[in-house]
Amino acid sequence: MNDTPVPASDVNRQVPLVVAQIIQKAMAKDPEERYQSADQLATDLQSALSGKAVKVTLPKQPQSLAEPD
């Protein structure tokens, strides 16, 4: 649960990049970075699957707790 999820397109190369980005946003650890409604998620998925351009704001990557060398 503490690890960043592997992008769907890394697991299955047939998943389009934009769909992988939508999934990544939906699974963001910070609730503020996730879709705020099912309607927003559905709109992006419908647009992506119909070939329309979708601008997905990806969640920030968690900062490492380790000190840099």
C-alpha atoms as a PDB file:
ATOM      1  CA  MET A   1       0.000   0.000   0.000  1.00  0.00           C
ATOM      2  CA  ASN A   2       2.949   2.342   0.502  1.00  0.00           C
ATOM      3  CA  ASP A   3       4.474   1.718  -2.911  1.00  0.00           C
ATOM      4  CA  THR A   4       3.633   3.812  -5.932  1.00  0.00           C
ATOM      5  CA  PRO A   5       1.450   1.702  -8.258  1.00  0.00           C
ATOM      6  CA  VAL A   6       3.077   0.423 -11.430  1.00  0.00           C
ATOM      7  CA  PRO A   7       1.599   2.195 -14.481  1.00  0.00           C
ATOM      8  CA  ALA A   8      -0.978   0.048 -16.271  1.00  0.00           C
ATOM      9  CA  SER A   9       0.932   0.439 -19.543  1.00  0.00           C
ATOM     10  CA  ASP A  10       3.984  -1.165 -17.889  1.00  0.00           C
ATOM     11  CA  VAL A  11       1.886  -4.166 -16.882  1.00  0.00           C
ATOM     12  CA  ASN A  12       0.094  -4.442 -20.234  1.00  0.00           C
ATOM     13  CA  ARG A  13       1.647  -2.708 -23.257  1.00  0.00           C
ATOM     14  CA  GLN A  14      -1.761  -2.717 -24.996  1.00  0.00           C
ATOM     15  CA  VAL A  15      -3.116  -0.151 -22.514  1.00  0.00           C
ATOM     16  CA  PRO A  16      -2.914   3.255 -24.232  1.00  0.00           C
ATOM     17  CA  LEU A  17      -0.692   5.763 -22.437  1.00  0.00           C
ATOM     18  CA  VAL A  18      -3.573   8.195 -21.852  1.00  0.00           C
ATOM     19  CA  VAL A  19      -5.670   5.437 -20.258  1.00  0.00           C
ATOM     20  CA  ALA A  20      -2.702   4.495 -18.048  1.00  0.00           C
ATOM     21  CA  GLN A  21      -2.446   8.152 -16.994  1.00  0.00           C
ATOM     22  CA  ILE A  22      -6.156   8.257 -16.150  1.00  0.00           C
ATOM     23  CA  ILE A  23      -5.753   5.118 -14.032  1.00  0.00           C
ATOM     24  CA  GLN A  24      -2.682   6.607 -12.333  1.00  0.00           C
ATOM     25  CA  LYS A  25      -4.646   9.730 -11.424  1.00  0.00           C
ATOM     26  CA  ALA A  26      -7.578   7.678 -10.152  1.00  0.00           C
ATOM     27  CA  MET A  27      -5.201   5.711  -7.891  1.00  0.00           C
ATOM     28  CA  ALA A  28      -3.275   8.712  -6.522  1.00  0.00           C
ATOM     29  CA  LYS A  29      -2.330   8.411  -2.858  1.00  0.00           C
ATOM     30  CA  ASP A  30      -3.367  11.995  -2.109  1.00  0.00           C
ATOM     31  CA  PRO A  31      -7.170  12.266  -2.374  1.00  0.00           C
ATOM     32  CA  GLU A  32      -6.818  15.854  -3.619  1.00  0.00           C
ATOM     33  CA  GLU A  33      -4.917  14.590  -6.679  1.00  0.00           C
ATOM     34  CA  ARG A  34      -7.581  12.002  -7.597  1.00  0.00           C
ATOM     35  CA  TYR A  35     -10.656  12.607  -9.705  1.00  0.00           C
ATOM     36  CA  GLN A  36     -13.115  14.489  -7.549  1.00  0.00           C
ATOM     37  CA  SER A  37     -16.136  12.770  -9.062  1.00  0.00           C
ATOM     38  CA  ALA A  38     -17.020   9.663 -11.009  1.00  0.00           C
ATOM     39  CA  ASP A  39     -18.360  11.958 -13.734  1.00  0.00           C
ATOM     40  CA  GLN A  40     -14.910  13.523 -14.230  1.00  0.00           C
ATOM     41  CA  LEU A  41     -13.320  10.084 -14.470  1.00  0.00           C
ATOM     42  CA  ALA A  42     -15.979   8.854 -16.885  1.00  0.00           C
ATOM     43  CA  THR A  43     -15.623  11.936 -19.091  1.00  0.00           C
ATOM     44  CA  ASP A  44     -11.851  11.472 -19.402  1.00  0.00           C
ATOM     45  CA  LEU A  45     -12.204   7.735 -20.094  1.00  0.00           C
ATOM     46  CA  GLN A  46     -14.901   8.284 -22.724  1.00  0.00           C
ATOM     47  CA  SER A  47     -12.811  10.969 -24.417  1.00  0.00           C
ATOM     48  CA  ALA A  48      -9.656   8.856 -24.372  1.00  0.00           C
ATOM     49  CA  LEU A  49     -11.378   5.753 -25.701  1.00  0.00           C
ATOM     50  CA  SER A  50     -13.032   7.732 -28.502  1.00  0.00           C
ATOM     51  CA  GLY A  51      -9.675   9.176 -29.592  1.00  0.00           C
ATOM     52  CA  LYS A  52     -10.207  12.711 -28.311  1.00  0.00           C
ATOM     53  CA  ALA A  53      -7.375  14.588 -26.632  1.00  0.00           C
ATOM     54  CA  VAL A  54      -7.382  14.382 -22.841  1.00  0.00           C
ATOM     55  CA  LYS A  55      -5.224  16.488 -20.539  1.00  0.00           C
ATOM     56  CA  VAL A  56      -4.532  14.457 -17.408  1.00  0.00           C
ATOM     57  CA  THR A  57      -2.808  16.091 -14.449  1.00  0.00           C
ATOM     58  CA  LEU A  58      -0.668  13.324 -13.016  1.00  0.00           C
ATOM     59  CA  PRO A  59      -0.171  12.984  -9.266  1.00  0.00           C
ATOM     60  CA  LYS A  60       3.108  14.146  -7.777  1.00  0.00           C
ATOM     61  CA  GLN A  61       5.636  11.418  -7.094  1.00  0.00           C
ATOM     62  CA  PRO A  62       6.179  10.838  -3.368  1.00  0.00           C
ATOM     63  CA  GLN A  63       9.428  12.215  -2.031  1.00  0.00           C
ATOM     64  CA  SER A  64      11.977   9.675  -0.884  1.00  0.00           C
ATOM     65  CA  LEU A  65      12.697   9.643   2.841  1.00  0.00           C
ATOM     66  CA  ALA A  66      16.317   8.780   2.199  1.00  0.00           C
ATOM     67  CA  GLU A  67      18.926  11.503   2.268  1.00  0.00           C
ATOM     68  CA  PRO A  68      20.663  12.150  -1.073  1.00  0.00           C
ATOM     69  CA  ASP A  69      24.276  10.938  -1.270  1.00  0.00           C
END
